[in-house]
């Protein structure tokens, strides 16, 4: 597992590196938020220990930026211990918070806890070929669709339509767009064809097809998978 330690205090950064290395983790280091963002872009990082107060870019802003594209665990590290600071850090996207001075054993325990969560519950969200919104999960590598953990059997065309919409959850696709992207040909009056497939997909993924949670119509425009 690759970890990133981001702290402008070199002694603290080096100490954390030693603790993590002793546990078998590969450790990358950064001294400010900008370096942390760059490290995440250039390396496969599985967990970040991020100080809050740093020059150039603080840990909060760096976490927000990283969270735009990555869902890796972030443990905030700060000398401040007030509840308000913890709340701000967690609201900005941190998964955990530890204050200086800290017990090395506690830090390692928190790191292991977050990595366990990341490699089990959170792993689907980090795979680029998995699309998830709420309880709907599409694994494009295995071509498996599940809803709340239960596998759903779709035809190849139904799968392509659902994947197209789920890959850009929240975006509305017109009927012509759906037809042309799925059937790979120019659309000529495709309304009924697409509508039939949409209805069949709803029957399989929705608890109440007439009141869909995921696959919705935007009247006069097209269809979308709701971003949940």
Protein backbone atom coordinates (compact mmCIF):
# COMPACT_ATOMS: atom_id res chain seq x y z
CA UNK A 1 0.00 0.00 0.00
CA UNK A 2 1.27 3.47 -0.93
CA UNK A 3 0.78 6.30 1.54
CA UNK A 4 1.41 10.02 1.24
CA UNK A 5 2.53 12.12 4.20
CA UNK A 6 1.99 15.84 3.65
CA UNK A 7 3.41 18.12 6.37
CA UNK A 8 5.70 21.14 6.20
CA UNK A 9 7.35 20.10 9.48
CA UNK A 10 10.18 17.88 8.24
CA UNK A 11 10.74 16.20 11.62
CA UNK A 12 7.11 15.19 11.96
CA UNK A 13 6.96 14.10 8.33
CA UNK A 14 10.05 11.94 8.71
CA UNK A 15 8.81 10.43 11.97
CA UNK A 16 5.49 9.43 10.38
CA UNK A 17 7.38 7.99 7.42
CA UNK A 18 9.41 5.78 9.77
CA UNK A 19 6.26 4.58 11.61
CA UNK A 20 4.55 3.70 8.33
CA UNK A 21 7.63 2.11 6.77
CA UNK A 22 8.00 -0.13 9.83
CA UNK A 23 4.49 -1.41 9.09
CA UNK A 24 5.46 -2.22 5.51
CA UNK A 25 3.89 0.77 3.77
CA UNK A 26 5.54 2.59 0.87
CA UNK A 27 5.73 6.28 1.84
CA UNK A 28 5.73 9.38 -0.36
CA UNK A 29 6.27 12.82 1.15
CA UNK A 30 5.04 16.34 0.37
CA UNK A 31 5.55 19.63 2.22
CA UNK A 32 2.47 21.55 1.02
CA UNK A 33 -0.89 21.07 -0.64
CA UNK A 34 0.38 21.69 -4.16
CA UNK A 35 3.03 18.99 -3.79
CA UNK A 36 0.40 16.63 -2.39
CA UNK A 37 -1.87 17.13 -5.40
CA UNK A 38 1.05 16.53 -7.74
CA UNK A 39 2.06 13.36 -5.85
CA UNK A 40 -1.46 11.96 -6.15
CA UNK A 41 -1.52 12.72 -9.87
CA UNK A 42 1.84 11.06 -10.51
CA UNK A 43 1.60 8.03 -8.18
CA UNK A 44 -0.93 5.45 -7.09
CA UNK A 45 -1.68 6.61 -3.55
CA UNK A 46 -3.98 4.60 -1.25
CA UNK A 47 -4.06 6.90 1.80
CA UNK A 48 -3.03 10.46 2.68
CA UNK A 49 -2.01 11.90 6.04
CA UNK A 50 -2.57 15.62 5.50
CA UNK A 51 -1.53 18.48 7.76
CA UNK A 52 -3.94 21.42 7.76
CA UNK A 53 -1.68 24.45 8.20
CA UNK A 54 0.90 24.57 5.39
CA UNK A 55 2.40 27.22 3.09
CA UNK A 56 1.33 27.77 -0.56
CA UNK A 57 -1.77 25.61 -0.21
CA UNK A 58 -3.23 24.34 3.06
CA UNK A 59 -4.48 20.82 3.68
CA UNK A 60 -8.16 21.70 3.47
CA UNK A 61 -7.92 23.19 -0.01
CA UNK A 62 -5.68 20.37 -1.17
CA UNK A 63 -8.16 17.79 0.10
CA UNK A 64 -11.02 19.48 -1.77
CA UNK A 65 -8.94 19.44 -4.96
CA UNK A 66 -7.94 15.80 -4.55
CA UNK A 67 -11.53 14.80 -3.78
CA UNK A 68 -12.63 16.09 -7.20
CA UNK A 69 -11.04 13.03 -8.83
CA UNK A 70 -9.95 10.62 -6.09
CA UNK A 71 -11.77 8.84 -3.30
CA UNK A 72 -8.73 7.73 -1.32
CA UNK A 73 -8.88 8.07 2.49
CA UNK A 74 -7.55 11.29 4.01
CA UNK A 75 -6.52 11.57 7.66
CA UNK A 76 -6.22 15.20 8.74
CA UNK A 77 -3.33 16.09 11.02
CA UNK A 78 -3.34 19.32 13.02
CA UNK A 79 -2.15 20.94 16.24
CA UNK A 80 -5.67 22.24 16.75
CA UNK A 81 -7.99 20.10 18.83
CA UNK A 82 -11.20 22.16 18.90
CA UNK A 83 -14.32 20.37 17.72
CA UNK A 84 -15.02 23.08 15.14
CA UNK A 85 -11.71 22.39 13.39
CA UNK A 86 -12.47 18.68 13.31
CA UNK A 87 -15.91 19.34 11.84
CA UNK A 88 -14.48 21.64 9.16
CA UNK A 89 -11.88 19.04 8.21
CA UNK A 90 -14.44 16.25 7.98
CA UNK A 91 -16.86 18.43 6.01
CA UNK A 92 -14.09 19.24 3.54
CA UNK A 93 -13.70 15.55 2.72
CA UNK A 94 -11.42 14.11 5.39
CA UNK A 95 -12.19 10.59 6.61
CA UNK A 96 -10.52 10.92 10.01
CA UNK A 97 -8.77 13.50 12.19
CA UNK A 98 -5.87 13.23 14.61
CA UNK A 99 -4.23 16.01 16.63
CA UNK A 100 -0.60 16.72 17.39
CA UNK A 101 1.10 15.49 19.46
CA UNK A 102 -0.18 12.02 18.62
CA UNK A 103 0.51 8.51 19.81
CA UNK A 104 2.24 6.58 16.99
CA UNK A 105 0.23 3.47 17.83
CA UNK A 106 -3.00 5.42 17.50
CA UNK A 107 -1.92 6.86 14.15
CA UNK A 108 -1.04 3.43 12.78
CA UNK A 109 -4.35 2.02 14.04
CA UNK A 110 -6.26 4.78 12.24
CA UNK A 111 -4.26 4.23 9.06
CA UNK A 112 -5.01 0.50 9.09
CA UNK A 113 -8.69 1.15 9.78
CA UNK A 114 -9.03 3.55 6.85
CA UNK A 115 -7.15 1.24 4.49
CA UNK A 116 -9.40 -1.68 5.45
CA UNK A 117 -12.44 0.43 4.62
CA UNK A 118 -10.87 1.61 1.38
CA UNK A 119 -9.96 -1.86 0.14
CA UNK A 120 -13.36 -3.34 0.98
CA UNK A 121 -16.34 -0.95 1.08
CA UNK A 122 -14.73 1.83 -0.92
CA UNK A 123 -12.90 -0.14 -3.55
CA UNK A 124 -15.68 -0.08 -6.14
CA UNK A 125 -15.70 3.70 -6.21
CA UNK A 126 -12.02 3.90 -7.01
CA UNK A 127 -12.13 1.66 -10.07
CA UNK A 128 -12.41 3.62 -13.28
CA UNK A 129 -14.48 0.88 -14.94
CA UNK A 130 -17.13 0.77 -12.22
CA UNK A 131 -20.07 3.18 -12.25
CA UNK A 132 -22.11 3.62 -9.10
CA UNK A 133 -25.01 5.78 -8.07
CA UNK A 134 -26.80 4.92 -4.84
CA UNK A 135 -27.29 1.15 -4.72
CA UNK A 136 -26.92 0.75 -8.50
CA UNK A 137 -23.47 -0.56 -9.47
CA UNK A 138 -22.24 -1.36 -12.98
CA UNK A 139 -18.93 -3.22 -13.20
CA UNK A 140 -17.91 -2.82 -16.83
CA UNK A 141 -15.01 -5.24 -16.48
CA UNK A 142 -17.18 -8.17 -15.48
CA UNK A 143 -20.33 -6.75 -17.17
CA UNK A 144 -22.24 -7.30 -13.94
CA UNK A 145 -25.02 -5.00 -12.76
CA UNK A 146 -26.20 -5.08 -9.15
CA UNK A 147 -28.88 -3.19 -7.26
CA UNK A 148 -28.47 -3.12 -3.49
CA UNK A 149 -26.12 -6.09 -3.83
CA UNK A 150 -28.44 -8.25 -5.94
CA UNK A 151 -27.32 -9.07 -9.49
CA UNK A 152 -29.59 -7.92 -12.31
CA UNK A 153 -29.64 -9.73 -15.67
CA UNK A 154 -29.75 -7.37 -18.66
CA UNK A 155 -29.62 -8.01 -22.38
CA UNK A 156 -26.56 -6.62 -24.21
CA UNK A 157 -28.56 -3.66 -25.53
CA UNK A 158 -30.10 -2.93 -22.14
CA UNK A 159 -26.65 -3.06 -20.60
CA UNK A 160 -25.23 -0.61 -23.14
CA UNK A 161 -28.05 1.88 -22.55
CA UNK A 162 -27.74 1.71 -18.77
CA UNK A 163 -23.96 1.99 -18.86
CA UNK A 164 -24.13 4.99 -21.20
CA UNK A 165 -26.45 6.85 -18.84
CA UNK A 166 -24.77 5.76 -15.60
CA UNK A 167 -21.29 6.71 -16.82
CA UNK A 168 -22.51 10.32 -16.94
CA UNK A 169 -25.00 10.20 -14.08
CA UNK A 170 -27.07 13.36 -13.95
CA UNK A 171 -26.63 14.15 -17.64
CA UNK A 172 -29.71 13.99 -19.85
CA UNK A 173 -29.32 12.11 -23.13
CA UNK A 174 -31.79 12.69 -25.95
CA UNK A 175 -33.45 9.68 -27.55
CA UNK A 176 -31.45 10.27 -30.73
CA UNK A 177 -28.18 10.37 -28.76
CA UNK A 178 -28.99 7.11 -26.97
CA UNK A 179 -29.90 5.36 -30.21
CA UNK A 180 -26.88 6.56 -32.14
CA UNK A 181 -24.39 5.71 -29.38
CA UNK A 182 -25.85 2.29 -28.58
CA UNK A 183 -26.86 1.09 -32.04
CA UNK A 184 -23.99 2.92 -33.79
CA UNK A 185 -26.20 4.18 -36.61
CA UNK A 186 -28.17 7.29 -37.50
CA UNK A 187 -31.46 7.55 -35.69
CA UNK A 188 -34.70 7.57 -37.72
CA UNK A 189 -37.77 7.73 -35.47
CA UNK A 190 -36.12 5.78 -32.62
CA UNK A 191 -38.63 6.81 -29.93
CA UNK A 192 -40.47 3.51 -29.59
CA UNK A 193 -37.31 1.38 -29.78
CA UNK A 194 -35.54 3.29 -27.01
CA UNK A 195 -38.69 3.60 -24.89
CA UNK A 196 -39.25 -0.16 -24.92
CA UNK A 197 -35.72 -0.85 -23.76
CA UNK A 198 -35.94 1.82 -21.06
CA UNK A 199 -39.14 0.23 -19.76
CA UNK A 200 -37.51 -3.20 -19.64
CA UNK A 201 -34.46 -1.85 -17.79
CA UNK A 202 -36.71 -0.16 -15.23
CA UNK A 203 -38.58 -3.39 -14.63
CA UNK A 204 -35.27 -4.99 -13.67
CA UNK A 205 -33.51 -2.27 -11.64
CA UNK A 206 -36.37 -0.34 -10.02
CA UNK A 207 -38.40 -1.42 -7.00
CA UNK A 208 -41.33 0.55 -8.38
CA UNK A 209 -40.84 0.96 -12.16
CA UNK A 210 -43.59 3.58 -12.46
CA UNK A 211 -41.85 5.68 -9.80
CA UNK A 212 -38.20 5.15 -10.78
CA UNK A 213 -35.37 6.00 -8.44
CA UNK A 214 -32.53 5.63 -10.94
CA UNK A 215 -33.63 5.71 -14.57
CA UNK A 216 -35.74 8.81 -15.14
CA UNK A 217 -37.38 10.55 -18.06
CA UNK A 218 -36.94 14.28 -18.58
CA UNK A 219 -40.06 15.12 -20.53
CA UNK A 220 -39.44 16.59 -23.95
CA UNK A 221 -35.67 16.02 -23.69
CA UNK A 222 -34.70 12.42 -23.00
CA UNK A 223 -33.49 10.13 -20.22
CA UNK A 224 -30.94 10.14 -17.45
CA UNK A 225 -29.62 8.03 -14.60
CA UNK A 226 -30.09 10.03 -11.41
CA UNK A 227 -26.92 10.98 -9.59
CA UNK A 228 -27.42 9.90 -5.99
